[in-house]
Amino acid sequence: METATKTPWHLWVIGIVATLWNAGGAYDYTMTQTRNMDYLTTGAENAGVPVETLVEYYTGFPAWADAFWAFGVWGALAGSLLLLFRSRFAFHAFVISLLGLIGTTIYTMGAEMPAELASPMMWLFTAAIWLSIILLAWYSRRMTAAGVLK
């Protein structure tokens, strides 16, 4: 007979915070891909870049970079939700997200980015994304090993 492993309180906190954080990424991806001009205009104003420059940059992504971005964003959101559902597949989703982040970062580092977008704040935000995905993958792996995620 298998005994049930109690769900630790921190799984719920991490799962909810991760879902909110990664839902923000999914929203950004969706608004950018659908060319939502209100969203892009606000983003351009916040970055101090002309909206045409921002739109041109994002519409210039090759299909492979868009695909990696999609895997990164949707994998992270799926992994966060799978944590809340206590599924061991959360780890797999975070690995897919990490692969997407690797591809997106390769493109970003090699593409000609408008100088206004290549700010220290943008690179700090990118580092925060990397850190969050690595920690979430580690955490989900740890929770699977502990028998919390099944």
N, C-alpha and C. Protein backbone atom coordinates (compact mmCIF):
# COMPACT_ATOMS: atom_id res chain seq x y z
N MET A 1 0.83 -1.18 0.00
CA MET A 1 0.00 0.00 0.00
C MET A 1 0.88 1.25 0.00
N GLU A 2 0.59 2.16 -0.91
CA GLU A 2 1.38 3.38 -1.06
C GLU A 2 0.83 4.47 -0.14
N THR A 3 1.72 5.13 0.58
CA THR A 3 1.28 6.22 1.46
C THR A 3 1.34 7.53 0.70
N ALA A 4 0.37 8.38 0.98
CA ALA A 4 0.30 9.68 0.32
C ALA A 4 1.33 10.62 0.92
N THR A 5 2.04 11.33 0.07
CA THR A 5 2.99 12.33 0.52
C THR A 5 2.25 13.65 0.66
N LYS A 6 2.40 14.26 1.81
CA LYS A 6 1.72 15.53 2.07
C LYS A 6 2.35 16.63 1.21
N THR A 7 1.50 17.47 0.66
CA THR A 7 1.98 18.58 -0.15
C THR A 7 2.51 19.68 0.76
N PRO A 8 3.79 20.05 0.62
CA PRO A 8 4.33 21.11 1.48
C PRO A 8 3.73 22.47 1.09
N TRP A 9 3.62 23.34 2.07
CA TRP A 9 3.03 24.67 1.84
C TRP A 9 3.79 25.44 0.77
N HIS A 10 5.11 25.26 0.72
CA HIS A 10 5.91 26.04 -0.23
C HIS A 10 5.60 25.68 -1.68
N LEU A 11 5.09 24.47 -1.94
CA LEU A 11 4.72 24.13 -3.32
C LEU A 11 3.61 25.06 -3.81
N TRP A 12 2.65 25.34 -2.94
CA TRP A 12 1.55 26.21 -3.34
C TRP A 12 2.04 27.64 -3.55
N VAL A 13 2.90 28.12 -2.69
CA VAL A 13 3.43 29.48 -2.83
C VAL A 13 4.25 29.59 -4.11
N ILE A 14 5.17 28.66 -4.30
CA ILE A 14 6.03 28.69 -5.50
C ILE A 14 5.18 28.50 -6.76
N GLY A 15 4.23 27.57 -6.71
CA GLY A 15 3.37 27.32 -7.87
C GLY A 15 2.55 28.53 -8.27
N ILE A 16 1.98 29.21 -7.28
CA ILE A 16 1.15 30.39 -7.58
C ILE A 16 2.01 31.54 -8.08
N VAL A 17 3.12 31.81 -7.41
CA VAL A 17 4.01 32.90 -7.85
C VAL A 17 4.56 32.61 -9.24
N ALA A 18 4.97 31.36 -9.48
CA ALA A 18 5.50 30.98 -10.79
C ALA A 18 4.43 31.12 -11.88
N THR A 19 3.21 30.74 -11.56
CA THR A 19 2.12 30.85 -12.54
C THR A 19 1.88 32.32 -12.89
N LEU A 20 1.84 33.18 -11.88
CA LEU A 20 1.63 34.61 -12.15
C LEU A 20 2.79 35.20 -12.97
N TRP A 21 4.02 34.88 -12.59
CA TRP A 21 5.21 35.37 -13.28
C TRP A 21 5.22 34.90 -14.74
N ASN A 22 4.96 33.62 -14.95
CA ASN A 22 5.01 33.06 -16.30
C ASN A 22 3.79 33.43 -17.13
N ALA A 23 2.66 33.72 -16.48
CA ALA A 23 1.50 34.22 -17.21
C ALA A 23 1.82 35.60 -17.79
N GLY A 24 2.63 36.36 -17.08
CA GLY A 24 3.08 37.66 -17.62
C GLY A 24 3.88 37.48 -18.90
N GLY A 25 4.73 36.47 -18.93
CA GLY A 25 5.49 36.17 -20.14
C GLY A 25 4.60 35.71 -21.27
N ALA A 26 3.60 34.90 -20.95
CA ALA A 26 2.65 34.43 -21.97
C ALA A 26 1.84 35.59 -22.52
N TYR A 27 1.47 36.51 -21.65
CA TYR A 27 0.72 37.70 -22.09
C TYR A 27 1.58 38.55 -23.03
N ASP A 28 2.84 38.76 -22.64
CA ASP A 28 3.76 39.54 -23.48
C ASP A 28 3.92 38.88 -24.85
N TYR A 29 4.12 37.59 -24.86
CA TYR A 29 4.27 36.85 -26.12
C TYR A 29 3.02 37.00 -26.99
N THR A 30 1.86 36.81 -26.39
CA THR A 30 0.60 36.88 -27.13
C THR A 30 0.37 38.28 -27.70
N MET A 31 0.58 39.30 -26.89
CA MET A 31 0.37 40.67 -27.35
C MET A 31 1.36 41.06 -28.45
N THR A 32 2.58 40.56 -28.34
CA THR A 32 3.59 40.85 -29.36
C THR A 32 3.27 40.11 -30.66
N GLN A 33 2.93 38.83 -30.55
CA GLN A 33 2.65 38.04 -31.74
C GLN A 33 1.40 38.49 -32.48
N THR A 34 0.43 39.00 -31.74
CA THR A 34 -0.81 39.48 -32.38
C THR A 34 -0.69 40.94 -32.80
N ARG A 35 0.50 41.51 -32.58
CA ARG A 35 0.79 42.91 -32.96
C ARG A 35 -0.23 43.87 -32.34
N ASN A 36 -0.52 43.68 -31.06
CA ASN A 36 -1.44 44.56 -30.34
C ASN A 36 -0.76 45.92 -30.18
N MET A 37 -1.22 46.90 -30.95
CA MET A 37 -0.55 48.19 -31.02
C MET A 37 -0.63 48.97 -29.71
N ASP A 38 -1.71 48.83 -28.96
CA ASP A 38 -1.78 49.51 -27.66
C ASP A 38 -0.68 48.99 -26.74
N TYR A 39 -0.53 47.68 -26.71
CA TYR A 39 0.50 47.05 -25.87
C TYR A 39 1.91 47.44 -26.35
N LEU A 40 2.13 47.35 -27.65
CA LEU A 40 3.45 47.68 -28.19
C LEU A 40 3.78 49.16 -28.02
N THR A 41 2.79 50.02 -28.16
CA THR A 41 3.02 51.45 -27.97
C THR A 41 3.43 51.74 -26.53
N THR A 42 2.74 51.12 -25.58
CA THR A 42 3.09 51.30 -24.17
C THR A 42 4.49 50.77 -23.90
N GLY A 43 4.82 49.62 -24.45
CA GLY A 43 6.16 49.05 -24.29
C GLY A 43 7.24 49.93 -24.88
N ALA A 44 6.95 50.51 -26.04
CA ALA A 44 7.91 51.41 -26.68
C ALA A 44 8.13 52.66 -25.83
N GLU A 45 7.05 53.21 -25.31
CA GLU A 45 7.17 54.40 -24.47
C GLU A 45 7.97 54.10 -23.21
N ASN A 46 7.72 52.95 -22.59
CA ASN A 46 8.46 52.56 -21.39
C ASN A 46 9.94 52.33 -21.67
N ALA A 47 10.25 51.83 -22.86
CA ALA A 47 11.65 51.58 -23.23
C ALA A 47 12.32 52.81 -23.81
N GLY A 48 11.54 53.83 -24.10
CA GLY A 48 12.12 55.05 -24.68
C GLY A 48 12.57 54.85 -26.11
N VAL A 49 11.84 54.03 -26.85
CA VAL A 49 12.18 53.73 -28.24
C VAL A 49 10.95 54.03 -29.10
N PRO A 50 11.15 54.51 -30.32
CA PRO A 50 9.99 54.73 -31.20
C PRO A 50 9.23 53.43 -31.43
N VAL A 51 7.91 53.50 -31.44
CA VAL A 51 7.08 52.30 -31.58
C VAL A 51 7.40 51.57 -32.88
N GLU A 52 7.73 52.29 -33.93
CA GLU A 52 8.05 51.65 -35.21
C GLU A 52 9.30 50.77 -35.06
N THR A 53 10.27 51.25 -34.28
CA THR A 53 11.50 50.49 -34.07
C THR A 53 11.21 49.20 -33.31
N LEU A 54 10.36 49.31 -32.28
CA LEU A 54 10.00 48.14 -31.49
C LEU A 54 9.24 47.12 -32.33
N VAL A 55 8.27 47.58 -33.09
CA VAL A 55 7.47 46.68 -33.93
C VAL A 55 8.37 46.03 -34.98
N GLU A 56 9.25 46.81 -35.59
CA GLU A 56 10.16 46.28 -36.61
C GLU A 56 11.07 45.21 -36.01
N TYR A 57 11.55 45.45 -34.79
CA TYR A 57 12.43 44.47 -34.14
C TYR A 57 11.69 43.15 -33.92
N TYR A 58 10.50 43.21 -33.32
CA TYR A 58 9.76 41.98 -33.01
C TYR A 58 9.20 41.29 -34.25
N THR A 59 8.81 42.05 -35.25
CA THR A 59 8.30 41.42 -36.48
C THR A 59 9.44 40.86 -37.32
N GLY A 60 10.66 41.25 -36.99
CA GLY A 60 11.82 40.76 -37.72
C GLY A 60 12.36 39.43 -37.22
N PHE A 61 11.79 38.90 -36.16
CA PHE A 61 12.24 37.61 -35.65
C PHE A 61 12.04 36.55 -36.72
N PRO A 62 13.05 35.73 -36.98
CA PRO A 62 12.83 34.60 -37.90
C PRO A 62 11.91 33.57 -37.22
N ALA A 63 11.33 32.70 -38.02
CA ALA A 63 10.37 31.71 -37.50
C ALA A 63 10.99 30.85 -36.40
N TRP A 64 12.26 30.47 -36.56
CA TRP A 64 12.89 29.61 -35.55
C TRP A 64 13.00 30.32 -34.21
N ALA A 65 13.28 31.63 -34.22
CA ALA A 65 13.38 32.38 -32.97
C ALA A 65 12.01 32.52 -32.32
N ASP A 66 10.98 32.77 -33.14
CA ASP A 66 9.61 32.81 -32.61
C ASP A 66 9.23 31.47 -31.99
N ALA A 67 9.64 30.38 -32.64
CA ALA A 67 9.32 29.05 -32.11
C ALA A 67 10.00 28.82 -30.76
N PHE A 68 11.27 29.18 -30.66
CA PHE A 68 11.97 29.03 -29.38
C PHE A 68 11.31 29.89 -28.30
N TRP A 69 10.92 31.12 -28.67
CA TRP A 69 10.26 32.01 -27.73
C TRP A 69 8.95 31.37 -27.24
N ALA A 70 8.20 30.78 -28.16
CA ALA A 70 6.94 30.12 -27.80
C ALA A 70 7.19 28.94 -26.85
N PHE A 71 8.19 28.11 -27.16
CA PHE A 71 8.50 26.98 -26.27
C PHE A 71 8.91 27.49 -24.89
N GLY A 72 9.69 28.55 -24.86
CA GLY A 72 10.12 29.10 -23.58
C GLY A 72 8.96 29.59 -22.74
N VAL A 73 8.10 30.37 -23.35
CA VAL A 73 6.98 30.98 -22.62
C VAL A 73 5.93 29.95 -22.22
N TRP A 74 5.47 29.17 -23.18
CA TRP A 74 4.39 28.22 -22.89
C TRP A 74 4.87 27.05 -22.07
N GLY A 75 6.13 26.65 -22.23
CA GLY A 75 6.68 25.60 -21.37
C GLY A 75 6.73 26.04 -19.92
N ALA A 76 7.12 27.28 -19.69
CA ALA A 76 7.19 27.80 -18.32
C ALA A 76 5.81 27.89 -17.69
N LEU A 77 4.84 28.37 -18.45
CA LEU A 77 3.48 28.47 -17.91
C LEU A 77 2.91 27.07 -17.64
N ALA A 78 3.13 26.15 -18.57
CA ALA A 78 2.66 24.76 -18.37
C ALA A 78 3.32 24.14 -17.14
N GLY A 79 4.63 24.34 -17.00
CA GLY A 79 5.34 23.80 -15.85
C GLY A 79 4.80 24.35 -14.54
N SER A 80 4.49 25.63 -14.53
CA SER A 80 3.95 26.25 -13.31
C SER A 80 2.60 25.66 -12.95
N LEU A 81 1.75 25.49 -13.95
CA LEU A 81 0.44 24.89 -13.70
C LEU A 81 0.57 23.43 -13.29
N LEU A 82 1.49 22.72 -13.92
CA LEU A 82 1.70 21.31 -13.56
C LEU A 82 2.22 21.17 -12.13
N LEU A 83 2.99 22.15 -11.66
CA LEU A 83 3.39 22.15 -10.25
C LEU A 83 2.15 22.17 -9.36
N LEU A 84 1.22 23.06 -9.69
CA LEU A 84 -0.01 23.18 -8.90
C LEU A 84 -0.86 21.91 -8.96
N PHE A 85 -0.77 21.19 -10.07
CA PHE A 85 -1.50 19.93 -10.21
C PHE A 85 -0.71 18.75 -9.64
N ARG A 86 0.46 19.05 -9.09
CA ARG A 86 1.35 18.04 -8.49
C ARG A 86 1.76 16.97 -9.49
N SER A 87 2.06 17.39 -10.70
CA SER A 87 2.46 16.45 -11.75
C SER A 87 3.98 16.45 -11.93
N ARG A 88 4.55 15.27 -12.01
CA ARG A 88 5.99 15.14 -12.24
C ARG A 88 6.40 15.70 -13.60
N PHE A 89 5.43 15.90 -14.49
CA PHE A 89 5.73 16.44 -15.81
C PHE A 89 6.06 17.93 -15.77
N ALA A 90 5.92 18.54 -14.60
CA ALA A 90 6.33 19.95 -14.44
C ALA A 90 7.81 20.08 -14.81
N PHE A 91 8.63 19.15 -14.36
CA PHE A 91 10.05 19.21 -14.68
C PHE A 91 10.28 19.19 -16.19
N HIS A 92 9.58 18.33 -16.90
CA HIS A 92 9.74 18.23 -18.35
C HIS A 92 9.34 19.54 -19.03
N ALA A 93 8.27 20.14 -18.55
CA ALA A 93 7.83 21.42 -19.13
C ALA A 93 8.87 22.51 -18.89
N PHE A 94 9.48 22.51 -17.69
CA PHE A 94 10.52 23.51 -17.41
C PHE A 94 11.77 23.27 -18.26
N VAL A 95 12.07 22.02 -18.55
CA VAL A 95 13.21 21.72 -19.44
C VAL A 95 12.91 22.25 -20.85
N ILE A 96 11.69 22.03 -21.33
CA ILE A 96 11.30 22.57 -22.64
C ILE A 96 11.41 24.10 -22.62
N SER A 97 10.96 24.70 -21.54
CA SER A 97 11.07 26.15 -21.41
C SER A 97 12.53 26.60 -21.44
N LEU A 98 13.38 25.87 -20.75
CA LEU A 98 14.80 26.21 -20.72
C LEU A 98 15.42 26.10 -22.12
N LEU A 99 15.04 25.08 -22.87
CA LEU A 99 15.53 24.95 -24.25
C LEU A 99 15.05 26.13 -25.10
N GLY A 100 13.79 26.53 -24.88
CA GLY A 100 13.28 27.70 -25.59
C GLY A 100 14.04 28.95 -25.22
N LEU A 101 14.36 29.09 -23.94
CA LEU A 101 15.11 30.26 -23.48
C LEU A 101 16.52 30.27 -24.07
N ILE A 102 17.13 29.11 -24.19
CA ILE A 102 18.46 29.02 -24.80
C ILE A 102 18.40 29.53 -26.24
N GLY A 103 17.43 29.03 -27.02
CA GLY A 103 17.31 29.46 -28.41
C GLY A 103 17.00 30.93 -28.54
N THR A 104 16.11 31.44 -27.69
CA THR A 104 15.76 32.85 -27.74
C THR A 104 16.96 33.72 -27.38
N THR A 105 17.73 33.29 -26.39
CA THR A 105 18.92 34.04 -25.98
C THR A 105 19.96 34.04 -27.08
N ILE A 106 20.14 32.92 -27.75
CA ILE A 106 21.10 32.86 -28.87
C ILE A 106 20.69 33.87 -29.93
N TYR A 107 19.40 33.92 -30.26
CA TYR A 107 18.95 34.89 -31.25
C TYR A 107 19.16 36.32 -30.77
N THR A 108 18.76 36.59 -29.54
CA THR A 108 18.87 37.95 -29.00
C THR A 108 20.32 38.42 -28.97
N MET A 109 21.23 37.54 -28.61
CA MET A 109 22.64 37.92 -28.52
C MET A 109 23.24 38.18 -29.91
N GLY A 110 22.71 37.51 -30.92
CA GLY A 110 23.28 37.66 -32.26
C GLY A 110 22.54 38.65 -33.15
N ALA A 111 21.34 39.03 -32.76
CA ALA A 111 20.54 39.93 -33.60
C ALA A 111 20.97 41.39 -33.38
N GLU A 112 20.66 42.19 -34.36
CA GLU A 112 20.89 43.62 -34.21
C GLU A 112 19.72 44.21 -33.46
N MET A 113 19.94 44.45 -32.17
CA MET A 113 18.89 44.98 -31.31
C MET A 113 19.03 46.50 -31.24
N PRO A 114 17.90 47.21 -31.29
CA PRO A 114 17.98 48.66 -31.11
C PRO A 114 18.69 48.99 -29.80
N ALA A 115 19.57 49.97 -29.84
CA ALA A 115 20.37 50.33 -28.66
C ALA A 115 19.50 50.62 -27.45
N GLU A 116 18.33 51.20 -27.67
CA GLU A 116 17.43 51.54 -26.55
C GLU A 116 16.92 50.29 -25.84
N LEU A 117 16.83 49.18 -26.58
CA LEU A 117 16.35 47.94 -25.97
C LEU A 117 17.46 47.16 -25.27
N ALA A 118 18.69 47.39 -25.68
CA ALA A 118 19.83 46.67 -25.10
C ALA A 118 20.32 47.36 -23.84
N SER A 119 19.40 47.70 -22.98
CA SER A 119 19.74 48.42 -21.75
C SER A 119 20.16 47.44 -20.65
N PRO A 120 20.83 47.95 -19.64
CA PRO A 120 21.17 47.08 -18.49
C PRO A 120 19.91 46.47 -17.86
N MET A 121 18.81 47.23 -17.84
CA MET A 121 17.57 46.72 -17.25
C MET A 121 17.06 45.50 -18.03
N MET A 122 17.16 45.56 -19.36
CA MET A 122 16.72 44.43 -20.18
C MET A 122 17.57 43.20 -19.88
N TRP A 123 18.87 43.38 -19.72
CA TRP A 123 19.74 42.24 -19.44
C TRP A 123 19.51 41.70 -18.03
N LEU A 124 19.19 42.57 -17.07
CA LEU A 124 18.84 42.12 -15.73
C LEU A 124 17.54 41.31 -15.74
N PHE A 125 16.59 41.78 -16.53
CA PHE A 125 15.32 41.06 -16.65
C PHE A 125 15.55 39.69 -17.29
N THR A 126 16.40 39.64 -18.30
CA THR A 126 16.74 38.36 -18.94
C THR A 126 17.40 37.43 -17.92
N ALA A 127 18.29 37.96 -17.09
CA ALA A 127 18.94 37.15 -16.05
C ALA A 127 17.89 36.62 -15.06
N ALA A 128 16.90 37.44 -14.72
CA ALA A 128 15.84 37.01 -13.80
C ALA A 128 15.04 35.86 -14.42
N ILE A 129 14.80 35.93 -15.72
CA ILE A 129 14.08 34.85 -16.40
C ILE A 129 14.90 33.56 -16.34
N TRP A 130 16.19 33.66 -16.66
CA TRP A 130 17.07 32.49 -16.59
C TRP A 130 17.07 31.88 -15.19
N LEU A 131 17.24 32.72 -14.20
CA LEU A 131 17.29 32.24 -12.82
C LEU A 131 15.98 31.57 -12.42
N SER A 132 14.86 32.17 -12.80
CA SER A 132 13.57 31.60 -12.42
C SER A 132 13.36 30.22 -13.05
N ILE A 133 13.70 30.08 -14.31
CA ILE A 133 13.47 28.79 -14.98
C ILE A 133 14.41 27.71 -14.44
N ILE A 134 15.66 28.07 -14.21
CA ILE A 134 16.60 27.09 -13.64
C ILE A 134 16.14 26.65 -12.26
N LEU A 135 15.74 27.61 -11.43
CA LEU A 135 15.28 27.27 -10.08
C LEU A 135 13.99 26.46 -10.10
N LEU A 136 13.08 26.79 -11.01
CA LEU A 136 11.83 26.03 -11.10
C LEU A 136 12.08 24.61 -11.58
N ALA A 137 13.00 24.43 -12.51
CA ALA A 137 13.35 23.07 -12.97
C ALA A 137 13.96 22.28 -11.81
N TRP A 138 14.88 22.91 -11.10
CA TRP A 138 15.50 22.26 -9.94
C TRP A 138 14.46 21.89 -8.89
N TYR A 139 13.58 22.84 -8.58
CA TYR A 139 12.56 22.63 -7.56
C TYR A 139 11.61 21.50 -7.95
N SER A 140 11.17 21.50 -9.21
CA SER A 140 10.25 20.44 -9.64
C SER A 140 10.93 19.08 -9.62
N ARG A 141 12.20 19.04 -9.95
CA ARG A 141 12.96 17.78 -9.89
C ARG A 141 13.06 17.29 -8.44
N ARG A 142 13.31 18.23 -7.55
CA ARG A 142 13.43 17.90 -6.12
C ARG A 142 12.10 17.39 -5.56
N MET A 143 11.01 18.05 -5.94
CA MET A 143 9.69 17.64 -5.46
C MET A 143 9.27 16.28 -6.04
N THR A 144 9.73 15.99 -7.26
CA THR A 144 9.45 14.67 -7.84
C THR A 144 10.22 13.60 -7.05
N ALA A 145 11.50 13.88 -6.77
CA ALA A 145 12.31 12.92 -6.01
C ALA A 145 11.75 12.68 -4.61
N ALA A 146 11.14 13.71 -4.03
CA ALA A 146 10.56 13.59 -2.69
C ALA A 146 9.20 12.91 -2.71
N GLY A 147 8.67 12.63 -3.90
CA GLY A 147 7.39 11.96 -4.02
C GLY A 147 6.19 12.89 -3.93
N VAL A 148 6.44 14.19 -3.97
CA VAL A 148 5.35 15.16 -3.91
C VAL A 148 4.66 15.26 -5.27
N LEU A 149 5.46 15.28 -6.33
CA LEU A 149 4.91 15.32 -7.69
C LEU A 149 4.85 13.90 -8.21
N LYS A 150 3.71 13.54 -8.73
CA LYS A 150 3.52 12.16 -9.20
C LYS A 150 3.17 12.11 -10.65
